[in-house]
Amino acid sequence: MSSSIRIQRICQHCNNEFTAKTTVTKYCGDNCAKRAYKERKKQERIKASHKETKRILTIPIEQIKAKEFLTVKEVSKLLNCSLRTVYYYIENGNIEAVNLGQRLTRVKRSEIDKLFNT
């Protein structure tokens, strides 16, 4: 069944006015439809990339939360502060830490929780 409808529309890609033969036509031609499709796919890839990046950034935090003993670097990630700030808290006694060697400083996870409970 053919239709003799002619509707003036505006292309969603190039914003030019055109005459559409159906009420659902969005683009003035094949080129604009292809360009819009490519743009949609590009935006989907960008969105997927951002989602993957967020997932990669949150995985280490989840792994850190599951550990019982943390390194100074892990504590700084968990508290979102610098290494020097964590060492400052350790020196002042705000966080209790154990030195297992010259470079091995460990903090118990419950010590971090105590910071926020007091």
C-alpha atoms as a PDB file:
ATOM      1  CA  MET A   1       0.000   0.000   0.000  1.00  0.00           C
ATOM      2  CA  SER A   2       1.611   3.235  -1.064  1.00  0.00           C
ATOM      3  CA  SER A   3       0.966   6.637   0.344  1.00  0.00           C
ATOM      4  CA  SER A   4       0.922  10.055  -1.254  1.00  0.00           C
ATOM      5  CA  ILE A   5       1.865  11.837   1.994  1.00  0.00           C
ATOM      6  CA  ARG A   6       4.450  14.591   1.702  1.00  0.00           C
ATOM      7  CA  ILE A   7       5.637  16.131   4.969  1.00  0.00           C
ATOM      8  CA  GLN A   8       8.217  18.860   5.504  1.00  0.00           C
ATOM      9  CA  ARG A   9      10.737  17.591   8.084  1.00  0.00           C
ATOM     10  CA  ILE A  10      14.110  18.669   9.420  1.00  0.00           C
ATOM     11  CA  CYS A  11      16.991  16.216   9.162  1.00  0.00           C
ATOM     12  CA  GLN A  12      18.182  15.127  12.610  1.00  0.00           C
ATOM     13  CA  HIS A  13      21.784  14.996  11.411  1.00  0.00           C
ATOM     14  CA  CYS A  14      22.366  18.020   9.194  1.00  0.00           C
ATOM     15  CA  ASN A  15      19.354  20.161  10.280  1.00  0.00           C
ATOM     16  CA  ASN A  16      18.338  20.830   6.667  1.00  0.00           C
ATOM     17  CA  GLU A  17      14.670  20.889   5.716  1.00  0.00           C
ATOM     18  CA  PHE A  18      13.455  18.119   3.382  1.00  0.00           C
ATOM     19  CA  THR A  19      10.256  16.544   2.122  1.00  0.00           C
ATOM     20  CA  ALA A  20       9.545  13.175   3.724  1.00  0.00           C
ATOM     21  CA  LYS A  21       7.300  10.502   2.232  1.00  0.00           C
ATOM     22  CA  THR A  22       6.498   8.920   5.612  1.00  0.00           C
ATOM     23  CA  THR A  23       5.821  10.251   9.080  1.00  0.00           C
ATOM     24  CA  VAL A  24       8.757   8.380  10.646  1.00  0.00           C
ATOM     25  CA  THR A  25      11.551   9.574   8.347  1.00  0.00           C
ATOM     26  CA  LYS A  26      14.350  11.170  10.367  1.00  0.00           C
ATOM     27  CA  TYR A  27      17.064  11.909   7.808  1.00  0.00           C
ATOM     28  CA  CYS A  28      17.124  13.709   4.503  1.00  0.00           C
ATOM     29  CA  GLY A  29      19.002  10.975   2.729  1.00  0.00           C
ATOM     30  CA  ASP A  30      21.124   7.875   2.898  1.00  0.00           C
ATOM     31  CA  ASN A  31      24.347   9.783   3.616  1.00  0.00           C
ATOM     32  CA  CYS A  32      22.882  11.539   6.670  1.00  0.00           C
ATOM     33  CA  ALA A  33      21.434   8.246   7.936  1.00  0.00           C
ATOM     34  CA  LYS A  34      24.840   6.554   7.619  1.00  0.00           C
ATOM     35  CA  ARG A  35      26.643   9.438   9.319  1.00  0.00           C
ATOM     36  CA  ALA A  36      24.128   9.477  12.168  1.00  0.00           C
ATOM     37  CA  TYR A  37      24.516   5.709  12.560  1.00  0.00           C
ATOM     38  CA  LYS A  38      28.292   6.038  12.752  1.00  0.00           C
ATOM     39  CA  GLU A  39      27.972   8.806  15.346  1.00  0.00           C
ATOM     40  CA  ARG A  40      25.604   6.659  17.443  1.00  0.00           C
ATOM     41  CA  LYS A  41      27.998   3.727  17.319  1.00  0.00           C
ATOM     42  CA  LYS A  42      30.917   5.992  18.217  1.00  0.00           C
ATOM     43  CA  GLN A  43      29.028   7.301  21.263  1.00  0.00           C
ATOM     44  CA  GLU A  44      28.192   3.726  22.306  1.00  0.00           C
ATOM     45  CA  ARG A  45      31.883   2.758  22.125  1.00  0.00           C
ATOM     46  CA  ILE A  46      32.860   5.822  24.156  1.00  0.00           C
ATOM     47  CA  LYS A  47      30.206   5.010  26.766  1.00  0.00           C
ATOM     48  CA  ALA A  48      31.393   1.391  26.953  1.00  0.00           C
ATOM     49  CA  SER A  49      34.986   2.579  27.354  1.00  0.00           C
ATOM     50  CA  HIS A  50      34.023   4.906  30.215  1.00  0.00           C
ATOM     51  CA  LYS A  51      32.111   2.091  31.886  1.00  0.00           C
ATOM     52  CA  GLU A  52      35.114  -0.242  31.589  1.00  0.00           C
ATOM     53  CA  THR A  53      37.411   2.437  33.002  1.00  0.00           C
ATOM     54  CA  LYS A  54      35.128   2.933  36.024  1.00  0.00           C
ATOM     55  CA  ARG A  55      35.007  -0.820  36.573  1.00  0.00           C
ATOM     56  CA  ILE A  56      38.802  -1.068  36.472  1.00  0.00           C
ATOM     57  CA  LEU A  57      39.134   1.795  38.954  1.00  0.00           C
ATOM     58  CA  THR A  58      36.653   0.330  41.437  1.00  0.00           C
ATOM     59  CA  ILE A  59      37.985  -3.250  41.418  1.00  0.00           C
ATOM     60  CA  PRO A  60      41.169  -2.409  43.402  1.00  0.00           C
ATOM     61  CA  ILE A  61      39.097  -0.620  46.061  1.00  0.00           C
ATOM     62  CA  GLU A  62      36.860  -3.680  46.454  1.00  0.00           C
ATOM     63  CA  GLN A  63      39.918  -5.934  46.757  1.00  0.00           C
ATOM     64  CA  ILE A  64      41.462  -3.606  49.347  1.00  0.00           C
ATOM     65  CA  LYS A  65      38.263  -3.619  51.420  1.00  0.00           C
ATOM     66  CA  ALA A  66      38.387  -7.411  51.570  1.00  0.00           C
ATOM     67  CA  LYS A  67      41.933  -7.576  53.025  1.00  0.00           C
ATOM     68  CA  GLU A  68      42.651  -7.814  56.750  1.00  0.00           C
ATOM     69  CA  PHE A  69      46.113  -6.193  56.654  1.00  0.00           C
ATOM     70  CA  LEU A  70      46.924  -3.296  54.335  1.00  0.00           C
ATOM     71  CA  THR A  71      50.080  -1.645  53.077  1.00  0.00           C
ATOM     72  CA  VAL A  72      50.570   2.098  53.418  1.00  0.00           C
ATOM     73  CA  LYS A  73      49.865   2.509  49.703  1.00  0.00           C
ATOM     74  CA  GLU A  74      46.581   0.607  50.012  1.00  0.00           C
ATOM     75  CA  VAL A  75      45.589   2.717  53.027  1.00  0.00           C
ATOM     76  CA  SER A  76      46.270   5.879  51.026  1.00  0.00           C
ATOM     77  CA  LYS A  77      44.037   4.608  48.202  1.00  0.00           C
ATOM     78  CA  LEU A  78      41.317   3.654  50.651  1.00  0.00           C
ATOM     79  CA  LEU A  79      41.427   7.022  52.423  1.00  0.00           C
ATOM     80  CA  ASN A  80      42.000   8.917  49.167  1.00  0.00           C
ATOM     81  CA  CYS A  81      45.035  10.757  50.532  1.00  0.00           C
ATOM     82  CA  SER A  82      48.778  10.840  49.949  1.00  0.00           C
ATOM     83  CA  LEU A  83      51.342   8.384  51.292  1.00  0.00           C
ATOM     84  CA  ARG A  84      52.879  11.142  53.382  1.00  0.00           C
ATOM     85  CA  THR A  85      49.517  11.800  55.072  1.00  0.00           C
ATOM     86  CA  VAL A  86      49.203   8.130  56.018  1.00  0.00           C
ATOM     87  CA  TYR A  87      52.730   8.152  57.483  1.00  0.00           C
ATOM     88  CA  TYR A  88      51.792  11.344  59.376  1.00  0.00           C
ATOM     89  CA  TYR A  89      48.764   9.584  60.890  1.00  0.00           C
ATOM     90  CA  ILE A  90      50.978   6.631  61.848  1.00  0.00           C
ATOM     91  CA  GLU A  91      53.632   8.884  63.454  1.00  0.00           C
ATOM     92  CA  ASN A  92      51.001  10.799  65.438  1.00  0.00           C
ATOM     93  CA  GLY A  93      49.331   7.620  66.652  1.00  0.00           C
ATOM     94  CA  ASN A  94      46.015   8.137  64.843  1.00  0.00           C
ATOM     95  CA  ILE A  95      46.607   4.848  63.028  1.00  0.00           C
ATOM     96  CA  GLU A  96      48.436   1.957  64.675  1.00  0.00           C
ATOM     97  CA  ALA A  97      50.831   0.197  62.332  1.00  0.00           C
ATOM     98  CA  VAL A  98      53.376  -2.597  62.567  1.00  0.00           C
ATOM     99  CA  ASN A  99      56.798  -2.517  60.939  1.00  0.00           C
ATOM    100  CA  LEU A 100      57.634  -5.997  59.704  1.00  0.00           C
ATOM    101  CA  GLY A 101      60.950  -4.934  58.266  1.00  0.00           C
ATOM    102  CA  GLN A 102      62.697  -1.876  56.996  1.00  0.00           C
ATOM    103  CA  ARG A 103      60.132  -1.307  54.241  1.00  0.00           C
ATOM    104  CA  LEU A 104      57.201  -3.435  55.339  1.00  0.00           C
ATOM    105  CA  THR A 105      54.629  -1.383  57.227  1.00  0.00           C
ATOM    106  CA  ARG A 106      51.236  -2.994  57.701  1.00  0.00           C
ATOM    107  CA  VAL A 107      48.013  -1.531  59.034  1.00  0.00           C
ATOM    108  CA  LYS A 108      45.139  -3.590  60.346  1.00  0.00           C
ATOM    109  CA  ARG A 109      41.834  -2.954  58.572  1.00  0.00           C
ATOM    110  CA  SER A 110      40.053  -2.405  61.891  1.00  0.00           C
ATOM    111  CA  GLU A 111      42.395   0.556  62.584  1.00  0.00           C
ATOM    112  CA  ILE A 112      41.011   2.336  59.524  1.00  0.00           C
ATOM    113  CA  ASP A 113      37.467   1.630  60.692  1.00  0.00           C
ATOM    114  CA  LYS A 114      38.321   3.108  64.115  1.00  0.00           C
ATOM    115  CA  LEU A 115      39.212   6.410  62.462  1.00  0.00           C
ATOM    116  CA  PHE A 116      35.632   6.850  61.350  1.00  0.00           C
ATOM    117  CA  ASN A 117      33.942   5.430  64.445  1.00  0.00           C
ATOM    118  CA  THR A 118      35.424   7.972  66.874  1.00  0.00           C
END
